[in-house]
Amino acid sequence: MIIEEFVKEVLLEDIGRGDLFGRIAPAKEAEAYIVAKSAGIAAGEPYLEALARFCKLELDWKKRDGDRFEEGDFLLKIKGSAADLLAAERTLLNMLLHASSIATHVQPYIKALEGTGVLLLDTRKIRPMLRNFEKYAVRVAGAVNHRMGLDDALMLKDTHLSLIEDLPAFLKKARKKIPFTTKIEIECESVEAAAKAMDAGADIVMCDNMAVSQIRETVLYRNENFPGTLLEASGNITLENIREYAKTGIDAISSGSIIHQSKWIDLSMKISS
């Protein structure tokens, strides 16, 4: 769903058959501002711009996507008719809050990985119908999207592998069925499984819930035998231990918690007097 369609759906969900205040709103222009009541990282710009076009509002950004703000900072000034501005208020705040809260939650992980060369990836653990929106917020903070869905990479998890008897033969067949540029990733829970996945021809091996020592062993096997294979670590990785995992020599770390464990920051809209 493109941004414009998404924004219209979100707005209509709130407005329904029409904002009742709009029937009696004063016919005049109004100006409002968004103020931060807690610190964070701004995100939401393209979505709010789409909302502004739809509601005929003018936006004056004080903090752009990726900018840090502190309590008391102005993020945005908004101008438009009083009726349109107030009808869009909650939709605007919800999108700005949601995206900024994810970006704010992600940034400490990005800082913890500085200098390691390891990418931070999101997962498909998202809220239904918010995939593009939440994955956009992750990118604002400096992380990288993992696959967007089942159609842009073939990933074999434990549930898939339980149905596959001959992995090399399966991958050979898969190469003939999936697009030429598509990568194949295999989830592995042991060094032995990771070695078998590389031997079978996996493009990416996910070290799932492996101990740091196991990942180091997997990295060594990769470096000696399949230097072109990418290694990803996932499972039980926290802000406290993420740098330790990064130092093993892997290429990326994926975490669903960077989205689903984010907590909303505090923003508020005020009408200028």
C-alpha atoms as a PDB file:
ATOM      1  CA  MET A   1       0.000   0.000   0.000  1.00  0.00           C
ATOM      2  CA  ILE A   2       1.499   3.337  -1.031  1.00  0.00           C
ATOM      3  CA  ILE A   3       1.841   6.113   1.532  1.00  0.00           C
ATOM      4  CA  GLU A   4      -1.081   8.164   0.231  1.00  0.00           C
ATOM      5  CA  GLU A   5      -3.499   5.239   0.344  1.00  0.00           C
ATOM      6  CA  PHE A   6      -2.335   4.273   3.820  1.00  0.00           C
ATOM      7  CA  VAL A   7      -2.774   7.821   5.151  1.00  0.00           C
ATOM      8  CA  LYS A   8      -6.274   8.102   3.714  1.00  0.00           C
ATOM      9  CA  GLU A   9      -7.293   4.827   5.352  1.00  0.00           C
ATOM     10  CA  VAL A  10      -5.870   5.906   8.721  1.00  0.00           C
ATOM     11  CA  LEU A  11      -7.599   9.284   8.545  1.00  0.00           C
ATOM     12  CA  LEU A  12     -10.946   7.857   7.461  1.00  0.00           C
ATOM     13  CA  GLU A  13     -10.778   5.309  10.278  1.00  0.00           C
ATOM     14  CA  ASP A  14     -10.912   8.234  12.720  1.00  0.00           C
ATOM     15  CA  ILE A  15     -13.172  10.651  10.855  1.00  0.00           C
ATOM     16  CA  GLY A  16     -15.772   8.092   9.810  1.00  0.00           C
ATOM     17  CA  ARG A  17     -18.752   9.921   8.276  1.00  0.00           C
ATOM     18  CA  GLY A  18     -17.260  13.273   9.231  1.00  0.00           C
ATOM     19  CA  ASP A  19     -15.845  15.153  12.200  1.00  0.00           C
ATOM     20  CA  LEU A  20     -18.864  16.569  14.046  1.00  0.00           C
ATOM     21  CA  PHE A  21     -16.855  19.582  15.149  1.00  0.00           C
ATOM     22  CA  GLY A  22     -16.500  20.485  11.491  1.00  0.00           C
ATOM     23  CA  ARG A  23     -20.240  21.266  11.335  1.00  0.00           C
ATOM     24  CA  ILE A  24     -19.858  24.097  13.819  1.00  0.00           C
ATOM     25  CA  ALA A  25     -16.157  24.987  13.597  1.00  0.00           C
ATOM     26  CA  PRO A  26     -15.345  28.679  13.163  1.00  0.00           C
ATOM     27  CA  ALA A  27     -14.603  29.506   9.541  1.00  0.00           C
ATOM     28  CA  LYS A  28     -11.081  30.741  10.092  1.00  0.00           C
ATOM     29  CA  GLU A  29      -7.460  29.764   9.706  1.00  0.00           C
ATOM     30  CA  ALA A  30      -5.595  28.244  12.642  1.00  0.00           C
ATOM     31  CA  GLU A  31      -1.985  27.535  13.521  1.00  0.00           C
ATOM     32  CA  ALA A  32      -0.744  24.735  15.775  1.00  0.00           C
ATOM     33  CA  TYR A  33       2.557  23.255  16.814  1.00  0.00           C
ATOM     34  CA  ILE A  34       3.787  19.866  17.944  1.00  0.00           C
ATOM     35  CA  VAL A  35       5.858  20.010  21.096  1.00  0.00           C
ATOM     36  CA  ALA A  36       7.945  17.222  22.597  1.00  0.00           C
ATOM     37  CA  LYS A  37       7.126  16.248  26.159  1.00  0.00           C
ATOM     38  CA  SER A  38       9.995  13.731  26.158  1.00  0.00           C
ATOM     39  CA  ALA A  39      13.214  13.256  24.197  1.00  0.00           C
ATOM     40  CA  GLY A  40      13.451  11.127  21.064  1.00  0.00           C
ATOM     41  CA  ILE A  41      14.229  10.751  17.364  1.00  0.00           C
ATOM     42  CA  ALA A  42      11.860  12.301  14.826  1.00  0.00           C
ATOM     43  CA  ALA A  43      10.244  10.111  12.172  1.00  0.00           C
ATOM     44  CA  GLY A  44       7.084  10.328  10.121  1.00  0.00           C
ATOM     45  CA  GLU A  45       7.819  13.086   7.633  1.00  0.00           C
ATOM     46  CA  PRO A  46       6.606  11.500   4.351  1.00  0.00           C
ATOM     47  CA  TYR A  47       3.428  10.249   6.017  1.00  0.00           C
ATOM     48  CA  LEU A  48       2.597  13.594   7.556  1.00  0.00           C
ATOM     49  CA  GLU A  49       3.334  15.331   4.265  1.00  0.00           C
ATOM     50  CA  ALA A  50       0.816  13.037   2.572  1.00  0.00           C
ATOM     51  CA  LEU A  51      -1.722  13.813   5.289  1.00  0.00           C
ATOM     52  CA  ALA A  52      -1.100  17.529   4.855  1.00  0.00           C
ATOM     53  CA  ARG A  53      -1.774  17.311   1.121  1.00  0.00           C
ATOM     54  CA  PHE A  54      -4.986  15.408   1.748  1.00  0.00           C
ATOM     55  CA  CYS A  55      -6.202  17.830   4.439  1.00  0.00           C
ATOM     56  CA  LYS A  56      -4.853  21.010   2.786  1.00  0.00           C
ATOM     57  CA  LEU A  57      -2.502  21.814   5.646  1.00  0.00           C
ATOM     58  CA  GLU A  58       0.857  23.593   5.552  1.00  0.00           C
ATOM     59  CA  LEU A  59       3.729  22.010   7.491  1.00  0.00           C
ATOM     60  CA  ASP A  60       6.822  23.816   8.721  1.00  0.00           C
ATOM     61  CA  TRP A  61       9.299  21.223   9.980  1.00  0.00           C
ATOM     62  CA  LYS A  62      11.578  22.158  12.872  1.00  0.00           C
ATOM     63  CA  LYS A  63      12.899  18.600  13.281  1.00  0.00           C
ATOM     64  CA  ARG A  64      13.286  16.376  10.220  1.00  0.00           C
ATOM     65  CA  ASP A  65      13.430  12.591   9.972  1.00  0.00           C
ATOM     66  CA  GLY A  66      16.364  11.297  11.998  1.00  0.00           C
ATOM     67  CA  ASP A  67      16.841  14.485  14.025  1.00  0.00           C
ATOM     68  CA  ARG A  68      17.085  14.198  17.799  1.00  0.00           C
ATOM     69  CA  PHE A  69      14.782  16.347  19.902  1.00  0.00           C
ATOM     70  CA  GLU A  70      14.628  17.117  23.598  1.00  0.00           C
ATOM     71  CA  GLU A  71      11.730  17.783  25.924  1.00  0.00           C
ATOM     72  CA  GLY A  72      10.241  21.171  25.097  1.00  0.00           C
ATOM     73  CA  ASP A  73      11.447  21.255  21.471  1.00  0.00           C
ATOM     74  CA  PHE A  74       9.061  22.166  18.657  1.00  0.00           C
ATOM     75  CA  LEU A  75       8.970  19.426  16.006  1.00  0.00           C
ATOM     76  CA  LEU A  76       6.497  20.947  13.618  1.00  0.00           C
ATOM     77  CA  LYS A  77       4.216  23.914  12.969  1.00  0.00           C
ATOM     78  CA  ILE A  78       0.937  23.397  11.122  1.00  0.00           C
ATOM     79  CA  LYS A  79      -1.364  25.877   9.367  1.00  0.00           C
ATOM     80  CA  GLY A  80      -4.780  25.344   7.845  1.00  0.00           C
ATOM     81  CA  SER A  81      -8.473  25.815   8.373  1.00  0.00           C
ATOM     82  CA  ALA A  82      -9.523  25.203  11.969  1.00  0.00           C
ATOM     83  CA  ALA A  83     -11.853  22.390  10.915  1.00  0.00           C
ATOM     84  CA  ASP A  84      -9.255  20.552   8.800  1.00  0.00           C
ATOM     85  CA  LEU A  85      -6.486  20.970  11.332  1.00  0.00           C
ATOM     86  CA  LEU A  86      -8.489  19.587  14.236  1.00  0.00           C
ATOM     87  CA  ALA A  87      -9.940  16.748  12.153  1.00  0.00           C
ATOM     88  CA  ALA A  88      -6.387  15.633  11.327  1.00  0.00           C
ATOM     89  CA  GLU A  89      -4.955  16.163  14.819  1.00  0.00           C
ATOM     90  CA  ARG A  90      -5.128  12.621  16.189  1.00  0.00           C
ATOM     91  CA  THR A  91      -4.117  10.945  12.922  1.00  0.00           C
ATOM     92  CA  LEU A  92      -1.142  13.286  12.645  1.00  0.00           C
ATOM     93  CA  LEU A  93      -0.076  12.709  16.236  1.00  0.00           C
ATOM     94  CA  ASN A  94      -0.550   8.955  16.057  1.00  0.00           C
ATOM     95  CA  MET A  95       1.652   8.593  12.988  1.00  0.00           C
ATOM     96  CA  LEU A  96       4.323  10.933  14.312  1.00  0.00           C
ATOM     97  CA  LEU A  97       4.282   9.246  17.718  1.00  0.00           C
ATOM     98  CA  HIS A  98       4.358   5.723  16.349  1.00  0.00           C
ATOM     99  CA  ALA A  99       7.181   6.276  13.879  1.00  0.00           C
ATOM    100  CA  SER A 100       9.235   8.448  16.243  1.00  0.00           C
ATOM    101  CA  SER A 101       8.841   5.941  19.072  1.00  0.00           C
ATOM    102  CA  ILE A 102      10.248   3.126  16.939  1.00  0.00           C
ATOM    103  CA  ALA A 103      13.115   5.306  15.709  1.00  0.00           C
ATOM    104  CA  THR A 104      13.845   6.382  19.279  1.00  0.00           C
ATOM    105  CA  HIS A 105      13.927   2.758  20.440  1.00  0.00           C
ATOM    106  CA  VAL A 106      16.204   1.662  17.582  1.00  0.00           C
ATOM    107  CA  GLN A 107      18.876   4.337  17.872  1.00  0.00           C
ATOM    108  CA  PRO A 108      20.652   2.998  21.012  1.00  0.00           C
ATOM    109  CA  TYR A 109      21.145  -0.319  19.192  1.00  0.00           C
ATOM    110  CA  ILE A 110      22.665   1.520  16.242  1.00  0.00           C
ATOM    111  CA  LYS A 111      25.030   3.374  18.563  1.00  0.00           C
ATOM    112  CA  ALA A 112      26.015   0.107  20.251  1.00  0.00           C
ATOM    113  CA  LEU A 113      27.055  -1.270  16.843  1.00  0.00           C
ATOM    114  CA  GLU A 114      29.130   1.739  15.810  1.00  0.00           C
ATOM    115  CA  GLY A 115      32.508   0.760  14.446  1.00  0.00           C
ATOM    116  CA  THR A 116      31.674  -2.930  14.059  1.00  0.00           C
ATOM    117  CA  GLY A 117      30.421  -2.846  10.470  1.00  0.00           C
ATOM    118  CA  VAL A 118      27.510  -5.068  11.493  1.00  0.00           C
ATOM    119  CA  LEU A 119      24.035  -4.209  10.189  1.00  0.00           C
ATOM    120  CA  LEU A 120      20.982  -4.111  12.440  1.00  0.00           C
ATOM    121  CA  LEU A 121      17.975  -5.717  10.748  1.00  0.00           C
ATOM    122  CA  ASP A 122      14.295  -5.778  11.589  1.00  0.00           C
ATOM    123  CA  THR A 123      12.012  -8.831  11.147  1.00  0.00           C
ATOM    124  CA  ARG A 124       8.478  -9.650  10.010  1.00  0.00           C
ATOM    125  CA  LYS A 125       7.251  -9.343  13.603  1.00  0.00           C
ATOM    126  CA  ILE A 126       5.185  -6.249  12.894  1.00  0.00           C
ATOM    127  CA  ARG A 127       1.639  -5.092  13.607  1.00  0.00           C
ATOM    128  CA  PRO A 128      -0.768  -6.232  10.868  1.00  0.00           C
ATOM    129  CA  MET A 129      -1.214  -3.717   8.046  1.00  0.00           C
ATOM    130  CA  LEU A 130       1.608  -1.536   9.411  1.00  0.00           C
ATOM    131  CA  ARG A 131       4.527  -3.347   7.760  1.00  0.00           C
ATOM    132  CA  ASN A 132       5.679  -0.562   5.427  1.00  0.00           C
ATOM    133  CA  PHE A 133       5.111   2.123   8.051  1.00  0.00           C
ATOM    134  CA  GLU A 134       7.003   0.389  10.856  1.00  0.00           C
ATOM    135  CA  LYS A 135       9.833  -0.726   8.602  1.00  0.00           C
ATOM    136  CA  TYR A 136      10.155   2.850   7.356  1.00  0.00           C
ATOM    137  CA  ALA A 137      10.605   4.039  10.964  1.00  0.00           C
ATOM    138  CA  VAL A 138      13.382   1.468  11.444  1.00  0.00           C
ATOM    139  CA  ARG A 139      15.258   2.880   8.459  1.00  0.00           C
ATOM    140  CA  VAL A 140      15.004   6.428   9.797  1.00  0.00           C
ATOM    141  CA  ALA A 141      17.010   5.364  12.854  1.00  0.00           C
ATOM    142  CA  GLY A 142      19.752   3.770  10.752  1.00  0.00           C
ATOM    143  CA  ALA A 143      18.745   0.106  10.758  1.00  0.00           C
ATOM    144  CA  VAL A 144      18.146  -1.947   7.603  1.00  0.00           C
ATOM    145  CA  ASN A 145      15.058  -3.851   6.592  1.00  0.00           C
ATOM    146  CA  HIS A 146      15.238  -7.634   6.441  1.00  0.00           C
ATOM    147  CA  ARG A 147      12.920  -9.127   3.838  1.00  0.00           C
ATOM    148  CA  MET A 148       9.687  -7.202   3.433  1.00  0.00           C
ATOM    149  CA  GLY A 149       7.635 -10.372   3.035  1.00  0.00           C
ATOM    150  CA  LEU A 150       7.557 -13.947   1.821  1.00  0.00           C
ATOM    151  CA  ASP A 151       7.914 -12.864  -1.789  1.00  0.00           C
ATOM    152  CA  ASP A 152      11.323 -11.180  -1.820  1.00  0.00           C
ATOM    153  CA  ALA A 153      13.558 -13.860  -0.285  1.00  0.00           C
ATOM    154  CA  LEU A 154      13.314 -17.592   0.333  1.00  0.00           C
ATOM    155  CA  MET A 155      13.933 -18.217   4.007  1.00  0.00           C
ATOM    156  CA  LEU A 156      13.841 -21.740   5.364  1.00  0.00           C
ATOM    157  CA  LYS A 157      13.039 -21.852   9.072  1.00  0.00           C
ATOM    158  CA  ASP A 158      12.834 -24.892  11.327  1.00  0.00           C
ATOM    159  CA  THR A 159       9.228 -25.478  10.279  1.00  0.00           C
ATOM    160  CA  HIS A 160      10.240 -25.591   6.625  1.00  0.00           C
ATOM    161  CA  LEU A 161      13.307 -27.724   7.257  1.00  0.00           C
ATOM    162  CA  SER A 162      11.227 -30.340   9.054  1.00  0.00           C
ATOM    163  CA  LEU A 163       9.539 -31.032   5.716  1.00  0.00           C
ATOM    164  CA  ILE A 164      12.723 -31.184   3.629  1.00  0.00           C
ATOM    165  CA  GLU A 165      14.510 -34.526   3.408  1.00  0.00           C
ATOM    166  CA  ASP A 166      17.337 -33.620   1.022  1.00  0.00           C
ATOM    167  CA  LEU A 167      18.469 -30.019   1.520  1.00  0.00           C
ATOM    168  CA  PRO A 168      20.987 -29.813  -1.377  1.00  0.00           C
ATOM    169  CA  ALA A 169      18.420 -31.241  -3.799  1.00  0.00           C
ATOM    170  CA  PHE A 170      15.758 -28.883  -2.495  1.00  0.00           C
ATOM    171  CA  LEU A 171      17.981 -25.824  -2.982  1.00  0.00           C
ATOM    172  CA  LYS A 172      18.917 -26.943  -6.475  1.00  0.00           C
ATOM    173  CA  LYS A 173      15.224 -27.176  -7.338  1.00  0.00           C
ATOM    174  CA  ALA A 174      14.493 -23.853  -5.649  1.00  0.00           C
ATOM    175  CA  ARG A 175      17.059 -22.046  -7.792  1.00  0.00           C
ATOM    176  CA  LYS A 176      15.031 -23.001 -10.850  1.00  0.00           C
ATOM    177  CA  LYS A 177      11.742 -21.803  -9.355  1.00  0.00           C
ATOM    178  CA  ILE A 178      12.580 -18.493  -7.677  1.00  0.00           C
ATOM    179  CA  PRO A 179      13.752 -15.282  -9.399  1.00  0.00           C
ATOM    180  CA  PHE A 180      17.399 -15.260 -10.431  1.00  0.00           C
ATOM    181  CA  THR A 181      18.326 -12.404  -8.082  1.00  0.00           C
ATOM    182  CA  THR A 182      16.574 -13.871  -5.018  1.00  0.00           C
ATOM    183  CA  LYS A 183      18.659 -15.014  -2.062  1.00  0.00           C
ATOM    184  CA  ILE A 184      18.089 -18.151  -0.018  1.00  0.00           C
ATOM    185  CA  GLU A 185      18.502 -17.940   3.751  1.00  0.00           C
ATOM    186  CA  ILE A 186      18.489 -20.892   6.127  1.00  0.00           C
ATOM    187  CA  GLU A 187      17.857 -20.740   9.862  1.00  0.00           C
ATOM    188  CA  CYS A 188      20.269 -22.889  11.893  1.00  0.00           C
ATOM    189  CA  GLU A 189      20.442 -23.623  15.600  1.00  0.00           C
ATOM    190  CA  SER A 190      23.868 -25.286  15.707  1.00  0.00           C
ATOM    191  CA  VAL A 191      27.294 -25.030  14.134  1.00  0.00           C
ATOM    192  CA  GLU A 192      26.728 -28.391  12.432  1.00  0.00           C
ATOM    193  CA  ALA A 193      23.456 -27.232  10.898  1.00  0.00           C
ATOM    194  CA  ALA A 194      25.080 -24.006   9.717  1.00  0.00           C
ATOM    195  CA  ALA A 195      27.882 -25.959   8.046  1.00  0.00           C
ATOM    196  CA  LYS A 196      25.358 -28.183   6.268  1.00  0.00           C
ATOM    197  CA  ALA A 197      23.412 -25.128   5.093  1.00  0.00           C
ATOM    198  CA  MET A 198      26.561 -23.579   3.643  1.00  0.00           C
ATOM    199  CA  ASP A 199      27.554 -26.856   2.038  1.00  0.00           C
ATOM    200  CA  ALA A 200      24.093 -27.036   0.459  1.00  0.00           C
ATOM    201  CA  GLY A 201      24.489 -23.591  -1.094  1.00  0.00           C
ATOM    202  CA  ALA A 202      22.704 -21.120   1.182  1.00  0.00           C
ATOM    203  CA  ASP A 203      23.354 -17.452   0.435  1.00  0.00           C
ATOM    204  CA  ILE A 204      22.666 -16.433   4.034  1.00  0.00           C
ATOM    205  CA  VAL A 205      22.806 -18.472   7.223  1.00  0.00           C
ATOM    206  CA  MET A 206      20.949 -17.299  10.285  1.00  0.00           C
ATOM    207  CA  CYS A 207      22.567 -18.330  13.563  1.00  0.00           C
ATOM    208  CA  ASP A 208      19.386 -18.662  15.578  1.00  0.00           C
ATOM    209  CA  ASN A 209      19.659 -18.608  19.372  1.00  0.00           C
ATOM    210  CA  MET A 210      23.305 -19.663  19.205  1.00  0.00           C
ATOM    211  CA  ALA A 211      25.764 -18.835  21.968  1.00  0.00           C
ATOM    212  CA  VAL A 212      28.525 -16.368  21.140  1.00  0.00           C
ATOM    213  CA  SER A 213      31.071 -19.206  21.131  1.00  0.00           C
ATOM    214  CA  GLN A 214      28.986 -21.151  18.586  1.00  0.00           C
ATOM    215  CA  ILE A 215      28.718 -18.130  16.334  1.00  0.00           C
ATOM    216  CA  ARG A 216      32.466 -17.608  16.418  1.00  0.00           C
ATOM    217  CA  GLU A 217      32.919 -21.236  15.353  1.00  0.00           C
ATOM    218  CA  THR A 218      30.398 -20.748  12.552  1.00  0.00           C
ATOM    219  CA  VAL A 219      32.183 -17.601  11.391  1.00  0.00           C
ATOM    220  CA  LEU A 220      35.484 -19.487  11.294  1.00  0.00           C
ATOM    221  CA  TYR A 221      33.944 -22.265   9.187  1.00  0.00           C
ATOM    222  CA  ARG A 222      32.427 -19.680   6.843  1.00  0.00           C
ATOM    223  CA  ASN A 223      35.679 -17.768   6.463  1.00  0.00           C
ATOM    224  CA  GLU A 224      37.651 -20.904   5.653  1.00  0.00           C
ATOM    225  CA  ASN A 225      35.154 -22.541   3.324  1.00  0.00           C
ATOM    226  CA  PHE A 226      32.435 -20.179   2.075  1.00  0.00           C
ATOM    227  CA  PRO A 227      33.684 -16.569   2.361  1.00  0.00           C
ATOM    228  CA  GLY A 228      30.852 -15.330   0.165  1.00  0.00           C
ATOM    229  CA  THR A 229      28.106 -16.556   2.491  1.00  0.00           C
ATOM    230  CA  LEU A 230      26.491 -13.960   4.726  1.00  0.00           C
ATOM    231  CA  LEU A 231      25.939 -14.704   8.413  1.00  0.00           C
ATOM    232  CA  GLU A 232      23.134 -13.284  10.507  1.00  0.00           C
ATOM    233  CA  ALA A 233      22.611 -13.691  14.249  1.00  0.00           C
ATOM    234  CA  SER A 234      19.206 -13.611  15.907  1.00  0.00           C
ATOM    235  CA  GLY A 235      17.525 -14.592  19.151  1.00  0.00           C
ATOM    236  CA  ASN A 236      18.043 -13.414  22.728  1.00  0.00           C
ATOM    237  CA  ILE A 237      20.163 -10.471  21.605  1.00  0.00           C
ATOM    238  CA  THR A 238      19.687  -7.419  23.796  1.00  0.00           C
ATOM    239  CA  LEU A 239      21.061  -3.908  23.960  1.00  0.00           C
ATOM    240  CA  GLU A 240      23.407  -5.106  26.687  1.00  0.00           C
ATOM    241  CA  ASN A 241      24.963  -7.966  24.705  1.00  0.00           C
ATOM    242  CA  ILE A 242      24.549  -6.874  21.075  1.00  0.00           C
ATOM    243  CA  ARG A 243      28.101  -5.579  20.741  1.00  0.00           C
ATOM    244  CA  GLU A 244      29.498  -8.888  21.998  1.00  0.00           C
ATOM    245  CA  TYR A 245      27.611 -10.687  19.233  1.00  0.00           C
ATOM    246  CA  ALA A 246      28.747  -8.119  16.684  1.00  0.00           C
ATOM    247  CA  LYS A 247      32.404  -8.778  17.513  1.00  0.00           C
ATOM    248  CA  THR A 248      32.108 -12.430  16.443  1.00  0.00           C
ATOM    249  CA  GLY A 249      32.560 -11.508  12.776  1.00  0.00           C
ATOM    250  CA  ILE A 250      28.957 -11.849  11.588  1.00  0.00           C
ATOM    251  CA  ASP A 251      27.485  -9.558   8.958  1.00  0.00           C
ATOM    252  CA  ALA A 252      24.158  -8.666  10.522  1.00  0.00           C
ATOM    253  CA  ILE A 253      21.988  -8.977  13.611  1.00  0.00           C
ATOM    254  CA  SER A 254      18.202  -9.199  13.323  1.00  0.00           C
ATOM    255  CA  SER A 255      15.787  -8.350  16.091  1.00  0.00           C
ATOM    256  CA  GLY A 256      12.002  -8.212  16.216  1.00  0.00           C
ATOM    257  CA  SER A 257      12.119  -6.315  19.496  1.00  0.00           C
ATOM    258  CA  ILE A 258      13.373  -3.137  17.852  1.00  0.00           C
ATOM    259  CA  ILE A 259       9.794  -2.745  16.609  1.00  0.00           C
ATOM    260  CA  HIS A 260       7.492  -4.628  18.937  1.00  0.00           C
ATOM    261  CA  GLN A 261       9.188  -3.570  22.162  1.00  0.00           C
ATOM    262  CA  SER A 262       9.234   0.147  21.379  1.00  0.00           C
ATOM    263  CA  LYS A 263       7.412   2.386  23.853  1.00  0.00           C
ATOM    264  CA  TRP A 264       5.585   5.521  22.869  1.00  0.00           C
ATOM    265  CA  ILE A 265       7.256   8.807  23.564  1.00  0.00           C
ATOM    266  CA  ASP A 266       5.182  11.854  24.501  1.00  0.00           C
ATOM    267  CA  LEU A 267       4.193  14.510  21.966  1.00  0.00           C
ATOM    268  CA  SER A 268       1.392  17.031  22.086  1.00  0.00           C
ATOM    269  CA  MET A 269      -0.347  19.423  19.699  1.00  0.00           C
ATOM    270  CA  LYS A 270      -1.193  22.933  20.849  1.00  0.00           C
ATOM    271  CA  ILE A 271      -3.102  25.669  19.080  1.00  0.00           C
ATOM    272  CA  SER A 272      -1.118  28.896  18.846  1.00  0.00           C
ATOM    273  CA  SER A 273      -2.790  31.713  20.769  1.00  0.00           C
END
